[in-house]
């Protein structure tokens, strides 16, 4: 049996010691896990043969952006207090920082959000 979990300890309400001897391996995001599992990642999708990629098609993400930074988060109940750091950073940067997601107020339409 493998115990698989990618949530941090504060978000794992189970008392894991009750499973002692049940699982042979652990699969966590931690490097000391039996099977380290990365949290998040990227996937490359092949471009259809009918589409010819040119240099002019390469997106310039900064072209339309006039802000210093952006923060994206929908987990507003963090145990490591990153929201406090972001609030402090936003206080210093003001309008030069955009906050997206449930915690930030700005929304990204689903039709373009993952582009």
N, C-alpha and C. Protein backbone atom coordinates (compact mmCIF):
# COMPACT_ATOMS: atom_id res chain seq x y z
N UNK A 1 0.83 -1.17 0.00
CA UNK A 1 0.00 0.00 0.00
C UNK A 1 0.88 1.24 0.00
N UNK A 2 0.41 2.28 -0.70
CA UNK A 2 1.12 3.56 -0.76
C UNK A 2 0.21 4.66 -0.22
N UNK A 3 0.71 5.44 0.73
CA UNK A 3 -0.02 6.59 1.23
C UNK A 3 0.38 7.79 0.38
N UNK A 4 -0.58 8.33 -0.37
CA UNK A 4 -0.33 9.43 -1.30
C UNK A 4 -1.02 10.70 -0.79
N UNK A 5 -0.25 11.79 -0.69
CA UNK A 5 -0.81 13.05 -0.20
C UNK A 5 0.08 14.19 -0.65
N UNK A 6 -0.51 15.24 -1.22
CA UNK A 6 0.28 16.41 -1.62
C UNK A 6 -0.09 17.65 -0.82
N UNK A 7 -0.86 17.48 0.23
CA UNK A 7 -1.22 18.61 1.09
C UNK A 7 -0.18 18.76 2.20
N UNK A 8 0.07 20.01 2.65
CA UNK A 8 1.01 20.20 3.76
C UNK A 8 0.42 19.68 5.06
N UNK A 9 1.25 19.37 6.04
CA UNK A 9 0.75 18.81 7.30
C UNK A 9 -0.40 19.58 7.95
N UNK A 10 -0.39 20.93 7.98
CA UNK A 10 -1.52 21.61 8.62
C UNK A 10 -2.86 21.39 7.91
N UNK A 11 -2.82 21.03 6.63
CA UNK A 11 -4.05 20.79 5.89
C UNK A 11 -4.40 19.31 5.83
N UNK A 12 -3.72 18.50 6.60
CA UNK A 12 -4.00 17.07 6.67
C UNK A 12 -4.60 16.78 8.04
N UNK A 13 -5.92 16.74 8.15
CA UNK A 13 -6.55 16.60 9.46
C UNK A 13 -6.43 15.20 10.07
N UNK A 14 -5.95 14.24 9.33
CA UNK A 14 -5.83 12.88 9.85
C UNK A 14 -4.66 12.76 10.81
N UNK A 15 -4.82 11.91 11.78
CA UNK A 15 -3.70 11.56 12.65
C UNK A 15 -2.99 10.41 11.96
N UNK A 16 -1.91 10.71 11.25
CA UNK A 16 -1.26 9.72 10.41
C UNK A 16 -0.66 8.56 11.20
N UNK A 17 -0.38 8.76 12.48
CA UNK A 17 0.20 7.68 13.28
C UNK A 17 -0.76 6.50 13.41
N UNK A 18 -2.05 6.74 13.22
CA UNK A 18 -3.01 5.64 13.31
C UNK A 18 -2.88 4.66 12.14
N UNK A 19 -2.12 5.06 11.11
CA UNK A 19 -1.91 4.19 9.96
C UNK A 19 -0.55 3.50 10.00
N UNK A 20 0.14 3.57 11.13
CA UNK A 20 1.46 2.94 11.25
C UNK A 20 1.35 1.45 10.95
N UNK A 21 2.22 0.99 10.07
CA UNK A 21 2.24 -0.42 9.71
C UNK A 21 1.26 -0.79 8.60
N UNK A 22 0.41 0.15 8.18
CA UNK A 22 -0.56 -0.13 7.12
C UNK A 22 0.05 0.08 5.75
N UNK A 23 0.84 1.14 5.61
CA UNK A 23 1.39 1.50 4.30
C UNK A 23 2.85 1.09 4.21
N UNK A 24 3.23 0.60 3.03
CA UNK A 24 4.61 0.21 2.78
C UNK A 24 5.46 1.41 2.37
N UNK A 25 4.85 2.33 1.63
CA UNK A 25 5.56 3.49 1.11
C UNK A 25 4.74 4.75 1.33
N UNK A 26 5.43 5.89 1.28
CA UNK A 26 4.75 7.18 1.28
C UNK A 26 5.04 7.88 -0.04
N UNK A 27 4.07 8.62 -0.53
CA UNK A 27 4.23 9.43 -1.75
C UNK A 27 3.75 10.84 -1.41
N UNK A 28 4.70 11.67 -0.99
CA UNK A 28 4.40 13.06 -0.61
C UNK A 28 5.24 14.00 -1.46
N UNK A 29 4.99 15.30 -1.32
CA UNK A 29 5.82 16.29 -2.01
C UNK A 29 7.17 16.46 -1.33
N UNK A 30 7.34 15.86 -0.17
CA UNK A 30 8.59 15.97 0.58
C UNK A 30 9.69 15.14 -0.08
N UNK A 31 10.91 15.66 -0.04
CA UNK A 31 12.03 14.94 -0.66
C UNK A 31 12.41 13.68 0.09
N UNK A 32 12.08 13.58 1.39
CA UNK A 32 12.43 12.38 2.14
C UNK A 32 11.34 11.31 2.05
N UNK A 33 10.35 11.52 1.22
CA UNK A 33 9.31 10.53 1.00
C UNK A 33 9.87 9.34 0.22
N UNK A 34 9.25 8.17 0.36
CA UNK A 34 9.69 7.01 -0.42
C UNK A 34 9.56 7.28 -1.91
N UNK A 35 8.47 7.92 -2.30
CA UNK A 35 8.22 8.29 -3.69
C UNK A 35 7.95 9.80 -3.71
N UNK A 36 8.98 10.62 -3.90
CA UNK A 36 8.75 12.07 -3.93
C UNK A 36 7.86 12.45 -5.11
N UNK A 37 6.83 13.22 -4.84
CA UNK A 37 5.89 13.65 -5.87
C UNK A 37 6.00 15.16 -5.99
N UNK A 38 6.24 15.64 -7.18
CA UNK A 38 6.34 17.09 -7.32
C UNK A 38 4.95 17.71 -7.23
N UNK A 39 4.92 18.92 -6.73
CA UNK A 39 3.66 19.63 -6.55
C UNK A 39 3.54 20.62 -7.69
N UNK A 40 2.59 20.39 -8.58
CA UNK A 40 2.43 21.24 -9.75
C UNK A 40 3.34 20.77 -10.86
N UNK A 41 3.39 21.50 -11.92
CA UNK A 41 4.26 21.14 -13.02
C UNK A 41 3.78 21.75 -14.32
N UNK A 42 4.48 21.43 -15.36
CA UNK A 42 4.17 21.94 -16.69
C UNK A 42 3.94 20.78 -17.63
N UNK A 43 3.08 21.00 -18.59
CA UNK A 43 2.83 20.00 -19.61
C UNK A 43 2.97 20.65 -20.97
N UNK A 44 3.80 20.09 -21.81
CA UNK A 44 3.93 20.57 -23.18
C UNK A 44 2.96 19.82 -24.07
N UNK A 45 2.18 20.57 -24.80
CA UNK A 45 1.26 19.96 -25.75
C UNK A 45 1.83 20.14 -27.15
N UNK A 46 1.84 19.08 -27.94
CA UNK A 46 2.40 19.21 -29.29
C UNK A 46 1.54 20.15 -30.14
N UNK A 47 2.22 20.97 -30.94
CA UNK A 47 1.51 21.87 -31.84
C UNK A 47 1.01 21.05 -33.03
N UNK A 48 -0.23 21.24 -33.43
CA UNK A 48 -0.73 20.50 -34.60
C UNK A 48 0.14 20.77 -35.82
N UNK A 49 0.32 19.77 -36.64
CA UNK A 49 1.16 19.89 -37.83
C UNK A 49 0.65 20.99 -38.77
N UNK A 50 -0.64 21.27 -38.70
CA UNK A 50 -1.22 22.28 -39.59
C UNK A 50 -0.85 23.70 -39.18
N UNK A 51 -0.32 23.88 -37.96
CA UNK A 51 0.05 25.21 -37.48
C UNK A 51 1.56 25.38 -37.61
N UNK A 52 1.95 26.43 -38.27
CA UNK A 52 3.38 26.73 -38.43
C UNK A 52 3.74 27.85 -37.46
N UNK A 53 4.62 27.54 -36.51
CA UNK A 53 5.02 28.51 -35.49
C UNK A 53 6.06 29.46 -36.06
N UNK A 54 5.85 30.75 -35.89
CA UNK A 54 6.82 31.75 -36.32
C UNK A 54 7.21 32.60 -35.12
N UNK A 55 8.30 33.35 -35.27
CA UNK A 55 8.75 34.21 -34.17
C UNK A 55 7.69 35.22 -33.78
N UNK A 56 6.93 35.71 -34.75
CA UNK A 56 5.92 36.72 -34.45
C UNK A 56 4.77 36.15 -33.62
N UNK A 57 4.63 34.82 -33.57
CA UNK A 57 3.56 34.20 -32.79
C UNK A 57 3.94 34.07 -31.32
N UNK A 58 5.21 34.20 -31.01
CA UNK A 58 5.65 34.03 -29.63
C UNK A 58 5.05 35.15 -28.78
N UNK A 59 4.31 34.81 -27.71
CA UNK A 59 3.65 35.86 -26.92
C UNK A 59 4.65 36.68 -26.11
N UNK A 60 4.40 37.96 -26.04
CA UNK A 60 5.18 38.85 -25.20
C UNK A 60 4.32 39.16 -23.98
N UNK A 61 4.53 38.42 -22.89
CA UNK A 61 3.68 38.54 -21.72
C UNK A 61 3.77 39.92 -21.07
N UNK A 62 4.86 40.61 -21.24
CA UNK A 62 5.03 41.91 -20.60
C UNK A 62 4.51 43.07 -21.44
N UNK A 63 4.18 42.82 -22.68
CA UNK A 63 3.78 43.89 -23.59
C UNK A 63 2.59 44.69 -23.07
N UNK A 64 1.56 44.03 -22.59
CA UNK A 64 0.36 44.71 -22.12
C UNK A 64 0.39 45.00 -20.62
N UNK A 65 1.43 44.58 -19.95
CA UNK A 65 1.48 44.68 -18.49
C UNK A 65 2.31 45.89 -18.06
N UNK A 66 1.75 46.70 -17.18
CA UNK A 66 2.51 47.83 -16.67
C UNK A 66 2.67 47.76 -15.15
N UNK A 67 2.53 46.56 -14.59
CA UNK A 67 2.66 46.36 -13.14
C UNK A 67 4.02 45.74 -12.83
N UNK A 68 4.44 45.92 -11.58
CA UNK A 68 5.72 45.37 -11.13
C UNK A 68 5.62 43.87 -10.87
N UNK A 69 4.50 43.42 -10.29
CA UNK A 69 4.35 42.00 -9.98
C UNK A 69 2.88 41.60 -9.92
N UNK A 70 2.67 40.30 -9.89
CA UNK A 70 1.32 39.75 -9.78
C UNK A 70 1.36 38.56 -8.82
N UNK A 71 0.28 38.36 -8.08
CA UNK A 71 0.15 37.25 -7.14
C UNK A 71 -1.14 36.53 -7.47
N UNK A 72 -1.06 35.20 -7.61
CA UNK A 72 -2.24 34.40 -7.90
C UNK A 72 -2.42 33.36 -6.83
N UNK A 73 -3.57 33.37 -6.16
CA UNK A 73 -3.84 32.39 -5.11
C UNK A 73 -5.33 32.28 -4.87
N UNK A 74 -5.78 31.06 -4.68
CA UNK A 74 -7.17 30.84 -4.32
C UNK A 74 -7.30 30.12 -2.99
N UNK A 75 -6.17 29.85 -2.34
CA UNK A 75 -6.18 29.24 -1.03
C UNK A 75 -5.94 30.34 0.00
N UNK A 76 -7.02 30.91 0.49
CA UNK A 76 -6.92 32.07 1.39
C UNK A 76 -6.65 31.68 2.84
N UNK A 77 -6.74 30.42 3.16
CA UNK A 77 -6.54 29.96 4.54
C UNK A 77 -5.20 29.25 4.65
N UNK A 78 -4.14 30.01 4.50
CA UNK A 78 -2.80 29.42 4.53
C UNK A 78 -2.27 29.39 5.96
N UNK A 79 -1.54 28.34 6.25
CA UNK A 79 -0.99 28.16 7.59
C UNK A 79 0.41 28.76 7.71
N UNK A 80 1.03 29.04 6.58
CA UNK A 80 2.39 29.57 6.65
C UNK A 80 2.43 31.10 6.55
N UNK A 81 1.27 31.73 6.60
CA UNK A 81 1.12 33.18 6.66
C UNK A 81 1.64 33.92 5.43
N UNK A 82 1.65 33.28 4.29
CA UNK A 82 2.11 33.97 3.09
C UNK A 82 1.21 35.15 2.74
N UNK A 83 -0.09 35.07 3.11
CA UNK A 83 -1.00 36.18 2.82
C UNK A 83 -0.57 37.45 3.56
N UNK A 84 0.02 37.31 4.75
CA UNK A 84 0.52 38.48 5.48
C UNK A 84 1.69 39.12 4.74
N UNK A 85 2.55 38.28 4.19
CA UNK A 85 3.69 38.78 3.43
C UNK A 85 3.19 39.51 2.18
N UNK A 86 2.21 38.91 1.51
CA UNK A 86 1.66 39.53 0.30
C UNK A 86 0.97 40.85 0.64
N UNK A 87 0.23 40.91 1.74
CA UNK A 87 -0.43 42.15 2.15
C UNK A 87 0.61 43.24 2.43
N UNK A 88 1.71 42.87 3.06
CA UNK A 88 2.78 43.83 3.34
C UNK A 88 3.42 44.31 2.04
N UNK A 89 3.67 43.37 1.14
CA UNK A 89 4.25 43.71 -0.16
C UNK A 89 3.31 44.63 -0.94
N UNK A 90 2.02 44.32 -0.92
CA UNK A 90 1.02 45.14 -1.61
C UNK A 90 0.97 46.55 -1.00
N UNK A 91 1.15 46.66 0.31
CA UNK A 91 1.16 47.97 0.96
C UNK A 91 2.32 48.83 0.45
N UNK A 92 3.44 48.19 0.14
CA UNK A 92 4.60 48.92 -0.38
C UNK A 92 4.48 49.21 -1.86
N UNK A 93 3.96 48.24 -2.63
CA UNK A 93 3.91 48.38 -4.08
C UNK A 93 2.64 49.10 -4.56
N UNK A 94 1.58 49.03 -3.78
CA UNK A 94 0.33 49.68 -4.16
C UNK A 94 -0.22 49.16 -5.48
N UNK A 95 -0.47 50.09 -6.41
CA UNK A 95 -1.05 49.72 -7.71
C UNK A 95 -0.09 48.97 -8.61
N UNK A 96 1.18 48.85 -8.21
CA UNK A 96 2.14 48.11 -9.03
C UNK A 96 2.08 46.61 -8.80
N UNK A 97 1.12 46.16 -8.00
CA UNK A 97 0.97 44.73 -7.75
C UNK A 97 -0.49 44.33 -7.94
N UNK A 98 -0.71 43.36 -8.81
CA UNK A 98 -2.06 42.82 -9.04
C UNK A 98 -2.23 41.55 -8.24
N UNK A 99 -3.39 41.39 -7.60
CA UNK A 99 -3.71 40.19 -6.83
C UNK A 99 -4.87 39.48 -7.50
N UNK A 100 -4.63 38.26 -7.96
CA UNK A 100 -5.64 37.48 -8.67
C UNK A 100 -6.12 36.31 -7.82
N UNK A 101 -7.34 35.85 -8.07
CA UNK A 101 -7.89 34.67 -7.41
C UNK A 101 -8.86 35.05 -6.31
N UNK A 102 -9.32 34.04 -5.59
CA UNK A 102 -10.30 34.25 -4.53
C UNK A 102 -9.79 35.20 -3.45
N UNK A 103 -8.49 35.22 -3.23
CA UNK A 103 -7.92 36.03 -2.15
C UNK A 103 -7.57 37.45 -2.59
N UNK A 104 -7.53 37.69 -3.89
CA UNK A 104 -7.04 38.98 -4.35
C UNK A 104 -8.07 39.90 -4.96
N UNK A 105 -9.18 39.39 -5.36
CA UNK A 105 -10.21 40.26 -5.90
C UNK A 105 -10.21 40.37 -7.41
N UNK A 106 -9.06 40.30 -8.06
CA UNK A 106 -9.04 40.35 -9.53
C UNK A 106 -9.31 38.96 -10.06
N UNK A 107 -10.01 38.91 -11.16
CA UNK A 107 -10.36 37.62 -11.75
C UNK A 107 -9.73 37.49 -13.13
N UNK A 108 -9.50 36.27 -13.50
CA UNK A 108 -8.98 35.95 -14.82
C UNK A 108 -10.05 35.11 -15.51
N UNK A 109 -10.66 35.59 -16.59
CA UNK A 109 -11.69 34.80 -17.25
C UNK A 109 -11.17 33.43 -17.66
N UNK A 110 -11.95 32.39 -17.40
CA UNK A 110 -11.50 31.03 -17.70
C UNK A 110 -11.13 30.85 -19.16
N UNK A 111 -11.75 31.62 -20.04
CA UNK A 111 -11.47 31.46 -21.47
C UNK A 111 -10.04 31.84 -21.82
N UNK A 112 -9.41 32.71 -21.02
CA UNK A 112 -8.03 33.11 -21.31
C UNK A 112 -7.08 32.87 -20.15
N UNK A 113 -7.60 32.44 -19.02
CA UNK A 113 -6.79 32.35 -17.81
C UNK A 113 -5.61 31.40 -17.94
N UNK A 114 -5.76 30.32 -18.66
CA UNK A 114 -4.68 29.34 -18.78
C UNK A 114 -3.87 29.52 -20.05
N UNK A 115 -4.10 30.59 -20.78
CA UNK A 115 -3.32 30.86 -21.99
C UNK A 115 -1.92 31.27 -21.63
